[in-house]
Amino acid sequence: MGALTTADNAQLNLLDLDSPLQGKVRGERSIMDYPLFSLAKKPQTEPQVHEIEGISIEIRPSGGGIATMYDKEIVLYAISHINARHRRGERVDNAVVFAAHDFFRATGVSRPSKRDYDRFQEALGRLQGTQIKTNIRTGNAGSKGWFSWFSEAVSTTRRMPDGSDQLEFVKVILCEWLYRAITRDREIYQYHDDYFRLSLYERRLYELAHCYAREDEHEMSIERFAQKIGSSATIKKLKNTLKEIEAEDRIPEYRVELRDIIEDEPAIDSLGRKRKKVRSVVVMRPRKGDSTRMLAA
């Protein structure tokens, strides 16, 4: 990820800015439905492979690991600007220029610290360095080979009196795969402000509920849910996490329940004895009175 001074890159100036973002942060269904970002809190340096109902996803890490669910906030912010231009009928391309402080404002960080800016720079590096190969089609077209979330991520800085550099503007160029989804498929969803206060697992639950439970209750087996969120945890540990999330009930717009269903047909153990056959499902449903909207294409 490049870093230039303002003098070195006159193209990044106030006249080019897409920010401030007007309205809510928005996401695109493909990156909400599938595990394209790491759930790990520590750098994940091993490649990931996901096979889900005919969908294939391979992810190669950058030098700093695979792009994380926290890094995804920058992608969502970029999607929001491209979508806003599209809805206003303006010229649309896959480049977004924005002020770093507006990204923090939009994602709920009112007073970003130096560490917040450092993490932001690290996230840009992972988003540009992580490589993805998938057979998910966007805009009625497939992609062969590998792509990164950002083909370019350049920041401008201003030299401060104490000799430090202050981040000012950022330019990112979104990958064609996601750009096609935004401008052609138009399955764009509004994110609740509280999304940015959620844990990583809560974020994935929120996104899946947005995809499947906007209007009515949706049930998903615990095994399929694990695949959808990209969890490598054991089913037992995942169930414990879901129980904690259900008890805390913090996910905006949706309620989540882990439900054990006893099958009519019992299981037979190795000694030939009949045992209750239990199937665990994740149930997502909209909260009464809450609005879960998808933008019109």
C-alpha atoms as a PDB file:
ATOM      1  CA  MET A   1       0.000   0.000   0.000  1.00  0.00           C
ATOM      2  CA  GLY A   2       1.586   3.255  -1.141  1.00  0.00           C
ATOM      3  CA  ALA A   3       2.028   6.414   0.919  1.00  0.00           C
ATOM      4  CA  LEU A   4       2.606   9.761  -0.785  1.00  0.00           C
ATOM      5  CA  THR A   5       2.862  13.315   0.479  1.00  0.00           C
ATOM      6  CA  THR A   6       0.160  15.723  -0.630  1.00  0.00           C
ATOM      7  CA  ALA A   7       2.695  17.585  -2.730  1.00  0.00           C
ATOM      8  CA  ASP A   8       3.777  14.380  -4.455  1.00  0.00           C
ATOM      9  CA  ASN A   9       0.243  13.467  -5.498  1.00  0.00           C
ATOM     10  CA  ALA A  10      -1.757  16.536  -6.428  1.00  0.00           C
ATOM     11  CA  GLN A  11      -4.535  14.354  -7.835  1.00  0.00           C
ATOM     12  CA  LEU A  12      -5.763  13.535  -4.333  1.00  0.00           C
ATOM     13  CA  ASN A  13      -7.302  16.795  -3.216  1.00  0.00           C
ATOM     14  CA  LEU A  14     -10.564  18.174  -1.941  1.00  0.00           C
ATOM     15  CA  LEU A  15     -12.042  18.432  -5.455  1.00  0.00           C
ATOM     16  CA  ASP A  16     -11.708  14.658  -5.932  1.00  0.00           C
ATOM     17  CA  LEU A  17     -13.183  13.613  -2.606  1.00  0.00           C
ATOM     18  CA  ASP A  18     -16.169  11.289  -2.533  1.00  0.00           C
ATOM     19  CA  SER A  19     -16.510  11.814   1.222  1.00  0.00           C
ATOM     20  CA  PRO A  20     -18.293  12.756   3.364  1.00  0.00           C
ATOM     21  CA  LEU A  21     -20.531   9.728   3.013  1.00  0.00           C
ATOM     22  CA  GLN A  22     -24.206  10.671   3.028  1.00  0.00           C
ATOM     23  CA  GLY A  23     -26.513   8.159   4.699  1.00  0.00           C
ATOM     24  CA  LYS A  24     -25.819   4.658   5.972  1.00  0.00           C
ATOM     25  CA  VAL A  25     -22.953   2.292   5.207  1.00  0.00           C
ATOM     26  CA  ARG A  26     -24.034  -0.386   2.731  1.00  0.00           C
ATOM     27  CA  GLY A  27     -22.840  -3.813   1.672  1.00  0.00           C
ATOM     28  CA  GLU A  28     -23.228  -6.163  -1.290  1.00  0.00           C
ATOM     29  CA  ARG A  29     -24.831  -9.578  -0.937  1.00  0.00           C
ATOM     30  CA  SER A  30     -21.962 -11.721  -2.303  1.00  0.00           C
ATOM     31  CA  ILE A  31     -19.544 -10.553   0.374  1.00  0.00           C
ATOM     32  CA  MET A  32     -22.251 -10.891   3.051  1.00  0.00           C
ATOM     33  CA  ASP A  33     -23.328 -14.419   2.139  1.00  0.00           C
ATOM     34  CA  TYR A  34     -19.913 -16.094   1.786  1.00  0.00           C
ATOM     35  CA  PRO A  35     -16.774 -16.348   3.985  1.00  0.00           C
ATOM     36  CA  LEU A  36     -14.431 -14.032   2.113  1.00  0.00           C
ATOM     37  CA  PHE A  37     -12.789 -12.424   5.167  1.00  0.00           C
ATOM     38  CA  SER A  38     -10.977 -13.931   8.122  1.00  0.00           C
ATOM     39  CA  LEU A  39     -12.767 -14.355  11.456  1.00  0.00           C
ATOM     40  CA  ALA A  40      -9.449 -14.597  13.292  1.00  0.00           C
ATOM     41  CA  LYS A  41      -8.332 -11.788  15.592  1.00  0.00           C
ATOM     42  CA  LYS A  42      -4.657 -12.627  15.051  1.00  0.00           C
ATOM     43  CA  PRO A  43      -3.075 -12.580  11.567  1.00  0.00           C
ATOM     44  CA  GLN A  44      -4.149 -15.650   9.608  1.00  0.00           C
ATOM     45  CA  THR A  45      -1.168 -16.570   7.472  1.00  0.00           C
ATOM     46  CA  GLU A  46      -2.343 -19.914   6.113  1.00  0.00           C
ATOM     47  CA  PRO A  47      -4.367 -20.107   2.868  1.00  0.00           C
ATOM     48  CA  GLN A  48      -8.095 -20.801   3.186  1.00  0.00           C
ATOM     49  CA  VAL A  49     -10.268 -23.007   0.977  1.00  0.00           C
ATOM     50  CA  HIS A  50     -14.075 -23.085   1.235  1.00  0.00           C
ATOM     51  CA  GLU A  51     -16.411 -25.380  -0.683  1.00  0.00           C
ATOM     52  CA  ILE A  52     -20.070 -24.521  -0.096  1.00  0.00           C
ATOM     53  CA  GLU A  53     -22.905 -25.978  -2.168  1.00  0.00           C
ATOM     54  CA  GLY A  54     -21.023 -25.770  -5.449  1.00  0.00           C
ATOM     55  CA  ILE A  55     -19.300 -22.489  -4.591  1.00  0.00           C
ATOM     56  CA  SER A  56     -15.504 -22.559  -4.439  1.00  0.00           C
ATOM     57  CA  ILE A  57     -13.447 -19.917  -2.619  1.00  0.00           C
ATOM     58  CA  GLU A  58      -9.651 -19.890  -2.291  1.00  0.00           C
ATOM     59  CA  ILE A  59      -7.907 -17.168  -0.303  1.00  0.00           C
ATOM     60  CA  ARG A  60      -4.176 -16.453  -0.218  1.00  0.00           C
ATOM     61  CA  PRO A  61      -2.840 -14.286   2.613  1.00  0.00           C
ATOM     62  CA  SER A  62      -0.859 -11.115   2.233  1.00  0.00           C
ATOM     63  CA  GLY A  63       2.370 -10.596   4.150  1.00  0.00           C
ATOM     64  CA  GLY A  64       0.228  -9.361   7.041  1.00  0.00           C
ATOM     65  CA  GLY A  65      -2.263 -12.205   6.796  1.00  0.00           C
ATOM     66  CA  ILE A  66      -5.710 -12.578   5.245  1.00  0.00           C
ATOM     67  CA  ALA A  67      -7.944  -9.496   5.213  1.00  0.00           C
ATOM     68  CA  THR A  68     -10.155  -9.613   8.302  1.00  0.00           C
ATOM     69  CA  MET A  69     -13.763  -8.824   9.136  1.00  0.00           C
ATOM     70  CA  TYR A  70     -12.495  -5.576  10.656  1.00  0.00           C
ATOM     71  CA  ASP A  71     -10.646  -4.738   7.423  1.00  0.00           C
ATOM     72  CA  LYS A  72     -13.931  -5.330   5.607  1.00  0.00           C
ATOM     73  CA  GLU A  73     -15.214  -2.025   7.012  1.00  0.00           C
ATOM     74  CA  ILE A  74     -13.104  -0.174   4.433  1.00  0.00           C
ATOM     75  CA  VAL A  75     -14.578  -2.280   1.610  1.00  0.00           C
ATOM     76  CA  LEU A  76     -18.101  -1.543   2.865  1.00  0.00           C
ATOM     77  CA  TYR A  77     -17.280   2.164   2.981  1.00  0.00           C
ATOM     78  CA  ALA A  78     -16.010   2.065  -0.619  1.00  0.00           C
ATOM     79  CA  ILE A  79     -19.117   0.135  -1.745  1.00  0.00           C
ATOM     80  CA  SER A  80     -21.280   2.799  -0.107  1.00  0.00           C
ATOM     81  CA  HIS A  81     -19.688   5.605  -2.121  1.00  0.00           C
ATOM     82  CA  ILE A  82     -19.887   3.771  -5.452  1.00  0.00           C
ATOM     83  CA  ASN A  83     -23.503   2.863  -4.756  1.00  0.00           C
ATOM     84  CA  ALA A  84     -24.327   6.474  -3.816  1.00  0.00           C
ATOM     85  CA  ARG A  85     -22.924   7.760  -7.130  1.00  0.00           C
ATOM     86  CA  HIS A  86     -24.860   5.097  -9.026  1.00  0.00           C
ATOM     87  CA  ARG A  87     -28.143   6.029  -7.322  1.00  0.00           C
ATOM     88  CA  ARG A  88     -27.602   9.727  -8.026  1.00  0.00           C
ATOM     89  CA  GLY A  89     -27.092   8.975 -11.721  1.00  0.00           C
ATOM     90  CA  GLU A  90     -23.515  10.253 -11.701  1.00  0.00           C
ATOM     91  CA  ARG A  91     -20.552   8.864 -13.598  1.00  0.00           C
ATOM     92  CA  VAL A  92     -19.460   5.697 -11.851  1.00  0.00           C
ATOM     93  CA  ASP A  93     -16.103   3.938 -11.795  1.00  0.00           C
ATOM     94  CA  ASN A  94     -14.371   1.718  -9.280  1.00  0.00           C
ATOM     95  CA  ALA A  95     -12.105   4.408  -7.764  1.00  0.00           C
ATOM     96  CA  VAL A  96     -12.994   6.036  -4.446  1.00  0.00           C
ATOM     97  CA  VAL A  97     -11.140   8.980  -2.884  1.00  0.00           C
ATOM     98  CA  PHE A  98     -11.983   9.830   0.704  1.00  0.00           C
ATOM     99  CA  ALA A  99     -10.814  11.524   3.856  1.00  0.00           C
ATOM    100  CA  ALA A 100      -9.659   9.041   6.469  1.00  0.00           C
ATOM    101  CA  HIS A 101     -11.464  10.894   9.259  1.00  0.00           C
ATOM    102  CA  ASP A 102     -14.790  10.484   7.405  1.00  0.00           C
ATOM    103  CA  PHE A 103     -14.280   6.710   7.255  1.00  0.00           C
ATOM    104  CA  PHE A 104     -13.873   6.697  11.031  1.00  0.00           C
ATOM    105  CA  ARG A 105     -16.950   8.881  11.476  1.00  0.00           C
ATOM    106  CA  ALA A 106     -19.062   6.591   9.284  1.00  0.00           C
ATOM    107  CA  THR A 107     -17.942   3.482  11.175  1.00  0.00           C
ATOM    108  CA  GLY A 108     -18.568   4.881  14.654  1.00  0.00           C
ATOM    109  CA  VAL A 109     -15.096   6.045  15.735  1.00  0.00           C
ATOM    110  CA  SER A 110     -15.621   9.636  16.852  1.00  0.00           C
ATOM    111  CA  ARG A 111     -12.064  10.369  18.006  1.00  0.00           C
ATOM    112  CA  PRO A 112      -9.602   8.077  16.206  1.00  0.00           C
ATOM    113  CA  SER A 113      -6.267   7.560  17.909  1.00  0.00           C
ATOM    114  CA  LYS A 114      -2.852   7.129  16.351  1.00  0.00           C
ATOM    115  CA  ARG A 115      -3.311   3.381  16.822  1.00  0.00           C
ATOM    116  CA  ASP A 116      -6.597   3.575  14.875  1.00  0.00           C
ATOM    117  CA  TYR A 117      -4.769   5.248  11.976  1.00  0.00           C
ATOM    118  CA  ASP A 118      -1.967   2.696  12.127  1.00  0.00           C
ATOM    119  CA  ARG A 119      -4.473  -0.172  12.032  1.00  0.00           C
ATOM    120  CA  PHE A 120      -6.217   1.520   9.123  1.00  0.00           C
ATOM    121  CA  GLN A 121      -2.966   1.564   7.140  1.00  0.00           C
ATOM    122  CA  GLU A 122      -2.325  -2.093   8.013  1.00  0.00           C
ATOM    123  CA  ALA A 123      -5.848  -2.985   6.863  1.00  0.00           C
ATOM    124  CA  LEU A 124      -5.291  -1.292   3.496  1.00  0.00           C
ATOM    125  CA  GLY A 125      -2.180  -3.408   3.046  1.00  0.00           C
ATOM    126  CA  ARG A 126      -4.045  -6.645   3.780  1.00  0.00           C
ATOM    127  CA  LEU A 127      -6.929  -5.698   1.483  1.00  0.00           C
ATOM    128  CA  GLN A 128      -4.530  -5.033  -1.382  1.00  0.00           C
ATOM    129  CA  GLY A 129      -2.341  -8.045  -0.615  1.00  0.00           C
ATOM    130  CA  THR A 130      -4.975 -10.736   0.031  1.00  0.00           C
ATOM    131  CA  GLN A 131      -5.779 -12.716  -3.133  1.00  0.00           C
ATOM    132  CA  ILE A 132      -9.088 -14.442  -3.857  1.00  0.00           C
ATOM    133  CA  LYS A 133     -10.129 -16.956  -6.487  1.00  0.00           C
ATOM    134  CA  THR A 134     -13.797 -17.955  -6.696  1.00  0.00           C
ATOM    135  CA  ASN A 135     -16.451 -19.228  -9.061  1.00  0.00           C
ATOM    136  CA  ILE A 136     -19.061 -16.835  -7.621  1.00  0.00           C
ATOM    137  CA  ARG A 137     -20.432 -14.930 -10.609  1.00  0.00           C
ATOM    138  CA  THR A 138     -21.125 -11.213 -10.430  1.00  0.00           C
ATOM    139  CA  GLY A 139     -22.807  -9.086 -13.065  1.00  0.00           C
ATOM    140  CA  ASN A 140     -23.568 -12.283 -15.005  1.00  0.00           C
ATOM    141  CA  ALA A 141     -19.839 -12.842 -15.517  1.00  0.00           C
ATOM    142  CA  GLY A 142     -17.235 -15.086 -13.932  1.00  0.00           C
ATOM    143  CA  SER A 143     -13.643 -14.293 -13.016  1.00  0.00           C
ATOM    144  CA  LYS A 144     -10.699 -16.554 -13.825  1.00  0.00           C
ATOM    145  CA  GLY A 145      -7.522 -16.294 -11.813  1.00  0.00           C
ATOM    146  CA  TRP A 146      -6.883 -14.244  -8.685  1.00  0.00           C
ATOM    147  CA  PHE A 147      -7.958 -10.779  -7.607  1.00  0.00           C
ATOM    148  CA  SER A 148      -7.404  -8.531  -4.594  1.00  0.00           C
ATOM    149  CA  TRP A 149     -10.023  -6.361  -2.938  1.00  0.00           C
ATOM    150  CA  PHE A 150      -8.132  -3.232  -3.956  1.00  0.00           C
ATOM    151  CA  SER A 151      -5.933  -3.145  -7.030  1.00  0.00           C
ATOM    152  CA  GLU A 152      -4.597   0.179  -5.733  1.00  0.00           C
ATOM    153  CA  ALA A 153      -4.568   1.722  -2.254  1.00  0.00           C
ATOM    154  CA  VAL A 154      -2.672   5.019  -1.983  1.00  0.00           C
ATOM    155  CA  SER A 155      -2.729   7.472   0.911  1.00  0.00           C
ATOM    156  CA  THR A 156      -1.558  11.070   1.169  1.00  0.00           C
ATOM    157  CA  THR A 157      -0.038  12.471   4.336  1.00  0.00           C
ATOM    158  CA  ARG A 158       0.683  15.917   5.749  1.00  0.00           C
ATOM    159  CA  ARG A 159       3.901  16.620   7.664  1.00  0.00           C
ATOM    160  CA  MET A 160       3.109  17.905  11.157  1.00  0.00           C
ATOM    161  CA  PRO A 161       5.199  20.427  13.159  1.00  0.00           C
ATOM    162  CA  ASP A 162       6.534  17.597  15.332  1.00  0.00           C
ATOM    163  CA  GLY A 163       7.877  15.810  12.255  1.00  0.00           C
ATOM    164  CA  SER A 164       5.204  13.103  12.166  1.00  0.00           C
ATOM    165  CA  ASP A 165       2.991  12.372   9.162  1.00  0.00           C
ATOM    166  CA  GLN A 166      -0.773  12.773   9.466  1.00  0.00           C
ATOM    167  CA  LEU A 167      -2.955  10.694   7.153  1.00  0.00           C
ATOM    168  CA  GLU A 168      -5.261  12.875   5.070  1.00  0.00           C
ATOM    169  CA  PHE A 169      -6.718  11.359   1.916  1.00  0.00           C
ATOM    170  CA  VAL A 170      -6.963   7.810   0.612  1.00  0.00           C
ATOM    171  CA  LYS A 171      -7.597   6.525  -2.896  1.00  0.00           C
ATOM    172  CA  VAL A 172      -8.651   2.921  -3.463  1.00  0.00           C
ATOM    173  CA  ILE A 173      -9.580   1.113  -6.675  1.00  0.00           C
ATOM    174  CA  LEU A 174     -12.066  -1.666  -6.045  1.00  0.00           C
ATOM    175  CA  CYS A 175     -11.684  -5.007  -7.821  1.00  0.00           C
ATOM    176  CA  GLU A 176     -13.759  -5.566 -10.975  1.00  0.00           C
ATOM    177  CA  TRP A 177     -15.444  -8.648  -9.444  1.00  0.00           C
ATOM    178  CA  LEU A 178     -17.083  -6.607  -6.689  1.00  0.00           C
ATOM    179  CA  TYR A 179     -17.596  -3.536  -8.865  1.00  0.00           C
ATOM    180  CA  ARG A 180     -19.713  -5.626 -11.268  1.00  0.00           C
ATOM    181  CA  ALA A 181     -21.823  -6.855  -8.361  1.00  0.00           C
ATOM    182  CA  ILE A 182     -22.462  -3.302  -7.150  1.00  0.00           C
ATOM    183  CA  THR A 183     -23.350  -1.789 -10.520  1.00  0.00           C
ATOM    184  CA  ARG A 184     -25.059  -4.736 -12.254  1.00  0.00           C
ATOM    185  CA  ASP A 185     -26.492  -7.127  -9.679  1.00  0.00           C
ATOM    186  CA  ARG A 186     -27.662  -4.312  -7.374  1.00  0.00           C
ATOM    187  CA  GLU A 187     -28.210  -6.519  -4.334  1.00  0.00           C
ATOM    188  CA  ILE A 188     -27.200  -3.755  -1.959  1.00  0.00           C
ATOM    189  CA  TYR A 189     -28.152  -3.775   1.716  1.00  0.00           C
ATOM    190  CA  GLN A 190     -28.136  -1.050   4.341  1.00  0.00           C
ATOM    191  CA  TYR A 191     -26.127  -1.741   7.502  1.00  0.00           C
ATOM    192  CA  HIS A 192     -27.333  -0.712  10.933  1.00  0.00           C
ATOM    193  CA  ASP A 193     -25.017   1.703  12.774  1.00  0.00           C
ATOM    194  CA  ASP A 194     -24.610  -0.804  15.616  1.00  0.00           C
ATOM    195  CA  TYR A 195     -23.013  -3.333  13.236  1.00  0.00           C
ATOM    196  CA  PHE A 196     -19.639  -1.711  13.934  1.00  0.00           C
ATOM    197  CA  ARG A 197     -20.007  -2.409  17.672  1.00  0.00           C
ATOM    198  CA  LEU A 198     -20.559  -6.142  17.165  1.00  0.00           C
ATOM    199  CA  SER A 199     -18.102  -8.994  17.667  1.00  0.00           C
ATOM    200  CA  LEU A 200     -16.816 -10.836  14.598  1.00  0.00           C
ATOM    201  CA  TYR A 201     -19.283 -13.721  14.957  1.00  0.00           C
ATOM    202  CA  GLU A 202     -22.149 -11.301  15.588  1.00  0.00           C
ATOM    203  CA  ARG A 203     -21.222  -9.448  12.405  1.00  0.00           C
ATOM    204  CA  ARG A 204     -21.435 -12.635  10.349  1.00  0.00           C
ATOM    205  CA  LEU A 205     -24.770 -13.509  11.945  1.00  0.00           C
ATOM    206  CA  TYR A 206     -26.092 -10.052  11.114  1.00  0.00           C
ATOM    207  CA  GLU A 207     -24.978 -10.343   7.500  1.00  0.00           C
ATOM    208  CA  LEU A 208     -26.479 -13.807   7.030  1.00  0.00           C
ATOM    209  CA  ALA A 209     -29.733 -12.684   8.617  1.00  0.00           C
ATOM    210  CA  HIS A 210     -29.747  -9.724   6.211  1.00  0.00           C
ATOM    211  CA  CYS A 211     -29.428 -12.197   3.330  1.00  0.00           C
ATOM    212  CA  TYR A 212     -31.960 -14.800   4.497  1.00  0.00           C
ATOM    213  CA  ALA A 213     -34.247 -13.453   7.221  1.00  0.00           C
ATOM    214  CA  ARG A 214     -35.252  -9.938   6.180  1.00  0.00           C
ATOM    215  CA  GLU A 215     -38.949 -10.795   5.940  1.00  0.00           C
ATOM    216  CA  ASP A 216     -39.411 -14.011   7.886  1.00  0.00           C
ATOM    217  CA  GLU A 217     -37.723 -16.591  10.086  1.00  0.00           C
ATOM    218  CA  HIS A 218     -34.947 -18.608   8.477  1.00  0.00           C
ATOM    219  CA  GLU A 219     -33.470 -21.850   9.779  1.00  0.00           C
ATOM    220  CA  MET A 220     -29.965 -23.071   8.953  1.00  0.00           C
ATOM    221  CA  SER A 221     -28.212 -26.214  10.164  1.00  0.00           C
ATOM    222  CA  ILE A 222     -25.262 -25.601  12.477  1.00  0.00           C
ATOM    223  CA  GLU A 223     -22.974 -27.334   9.948  1.00  0.00           C
ATOM    224  CA  ARG A 224     -24.090 -25.097   7.077  1.00  0.00           C
ATOM    225  CA  PHE A 225     -23.848 -22.045   9.313  1.00  0.00           C
ATOM    226  CA  ALA A 226     -20.232 -22.932  10.171  1.00  0.00           C
ATOM    227  CA  GLN A 227     -19.452 -23.133   6.455  1.00  0.00           C
ATOM    228  CA  LYS A 228     -21.196 -19.858   5.681  1.00  0.00           C
ATOM    229  CA  ILE A 229     -19.293 -17.849   8.266  1.00  0.00           C
ATOM    230  CA  GLY A 230     -15.973 -19.580   7.590  1.00  0.00           C
ATOM    231  CA  SER A 231     -15.521 -20.869  11.135  1.00  0.00           C
ATOM    232  CA  SER A 232     -12.832 -23.448  11.868  1.00  0.00           C
ATOM    233  CA  ALA A 233     -14.061 -23.945  15.463  1.00  0.00           C
ATOM    234  CA  THR A 234     -15.496 -27.261  16.581  1.00  0.00           C
ATOM    235  CA  ILE A 235     -19.275 -27.567  16.483  1.00  0.00           C
ATOM    236  CA  LYS A 236     -19.309 -27.736  20.293  1.00  0.00           C
ATOM    237  CA  LYS A 237     -17.356 -24.491  20.629  1.00  0.00           C
ATOM    238  CA  LEU A 238     -19.449 -22.810  17.948  1.00  0.00           C
ATOM    239  CA  LYS A 239     -22.647 -23.788  19.765  1.00  0.00           C
ATOM    240  CA  ASN A 240     -21.292 -22.286  22.991  1.00  0.00           C
ATOM    241  CA  THR A 241     -20.508 -19.045  21.155  1.00  0.00           C
ATOM    242  CA  LEU A 242     -23.998 -18.953  19.665  1.00  0.00           C
ATOM    243  CA  LYS A 243     -25.582 -19.500  23.076  1.00  0.00           C
ATOM    244  CA  GLU A 244     -23.644 -16.519  24.441  1.00  0.00           C
ATOM    245  CA  ILE A 245     -24.722 -14.369  21.481  1.00  0.00           C
ATOM    246  CA  GLU A 246     -28.334 -15.444  21.941  1.00  0.00           C
ATOM    247  CA  ALA A 247     -28.220 -14.571  25.647  1.00  0.00           C
ATOM    248  CA  GLU A 248     -26.658 -11.144  25.057  1.00  0.00           C
ATOM    249  CA  ASP A 249     -29.132 -10.379  22.236  1.00  0.00           C
ATOM    250  CA  ARG A 250     -27.114  -7.461  20.826  1.00  0.00           C
ATOM    251  CA  ILE A 251     -27.602  -7.994  17.094  1.00  0.00           C
ATOM    252  CA  PRO A 252     -29.634  -5.116  15.634  1.00  0.00           C
ATOM    253  CA  GLU A 253     -32.758  -5.836  13.551  1.00  0.00           C
ATOM    254  CA  TYR A 254     -32.632  -9.601  14.178  1.00  0.00           C
ATOM    255  CA  ARG A 255     -32.969 -12.179  16.901  1.00  0.00           C
ATOM    256  CA  VAL A 256     -30.873 -15.338  16.842  1.00  0.00           C
ATOM    257  CA  GLU A 257     -31.673 -18.660  18.490  1.00  0.00           C
ATOM    258  CA  LEU A 258     -29.785 -21.940  18.686  1.00  0.00           C
ATOM    259  CA  ARG A 259     -32.411 -24.679  18.600  1.00  0.00           C
ATOM    260  CA  ASP A 260     -31.953 -28.425  19.156  1.00  0.00           C
ATOM    261  CA  ILE A 261     -34.514 -30.547  17.317  1.00  0.00           C
ATOM    262  CA  ILE A 262     -35.092 -34.193  18.267  1.00  0.00           C
ATOM    263  CA  GLU A 263     -35.636 -36.247  15.145  1.00  0.00           C
ATOM    264  CA  ASP A 264     -38.526 -38.732  14.923  1.00  0.00           C
ATOM    265  CA  GLU A 265     -36.160 -41.457  13.733  1.00  0.00           C
ATOM    266  CA  PRO A 266     -33.715 -42.386  16.537  1.00  0.00           C
ATOM    267  CA  ALA A 267     -30.014 -42.972  15.944  1.00  0.00           C
ATOM    268  CA  ILE A 268     -28.459 -46.389  16.517  1.00  0.00           C
ATOM    269  CA  ASP A 269     -25.150 -46.448  18.396  1.00  0.00           C
ATOM    270  CA  SER A 270     -22.275 -48.915  17.932  1.00  0.00           C
ATOM    271  CA  LEU A 271     -23.879 -51.356  20.385  1.00  0.00           C
ATOM    272  CA  GLY A 272     -27.174 -51.353  18.528  1.00  0.00           C
ATOM    273  CA  ARG A 273     -28.964 -49.213  21.118  1.00  0.00           C
ATOM    274  CA  LYS A 274     -31.444 -46.524  20.134  1.00  0.00           C
ATOM    275  CA  ARG A 275     -30.420 -42.980  20.979  1.00  0.00           C
ATOM    276  CA  LYS A 276     -32.173 -39.676  20.535  1.00  0.00           C
ATOM    277  CA  LYS A 277     -31.047 -38.087  17.296  1.00  0.00           C
ATOM    278  CA  VAL A 278     -30.594 -34.349  17.809  1.00  0.00           C
ATOM    279  CA  ARG A 279     -30.214 -31.844  15.011  1.00  0.00           C
ATOM    280  CA  SER A 280     -28.968 -28.337  15.875  1.00  0.00           C
ATOM    281  CA  VAL A 281     -30.125 -25.373  13.829  1.00  0.00           C
ATOM    282  CA  VAL A 282     -29.473 -21.633  13.888  1.00  0.00           C
ATOM    283  CA  VAL A 283     -32.718 -19.673  13.680  1.00  0.00           C
ATOM    284  CA  MET A 284     -32.646 -16.047  12.525  1.00  0.00           C
ATOM    285  CA  ARG A 285     -35.737 -13.842  12.484  1.00  0.00           C
ATOM    286  CA  PRO A 286     -36.453 -10.127  12.169  1.00  0.00           C
ATOM    287  CA  ARG A 287     -37.281  -8.178  15.298  1.00  0.00           C
ATOM    288  CA  LYS A 288     -40.870  -6.957  15.258  1.00  0.00           C
ATOM    289  CA  GLY A 289     -41.129  -3.352  14.197  1.00  0.00           C
ATOM    290  CA  ASP A 290     -37.568  -3.186  12.856  1.00  0.00           C
ATOM    291  CA  SER A 291     -36.917  -2.293   9.247  1.00  0.00           C
ATOM    292  CA  THR A 292     -34.582  -4.525   7.235  1.00  0.00           C
ATOM    293  CA  ARG A 293     -34.364  -2.943   3.849  1.00  0.00           C
ATOM    294  CA  MET A 294     -32.675  -3.754   0.580  1.00  0.00           C
ATOM    295  CA  LEU A 295     -32.092  -0.831  -1.745  1.00  0.00           C
ATOM    296  CA  ALA A 296     -33.847  -0.840  -5.084  1.00  0.00           C
ATOM    297  CA  ALA A 297     -31.557  -1.705  -7.984  1.00  0.00           C
END
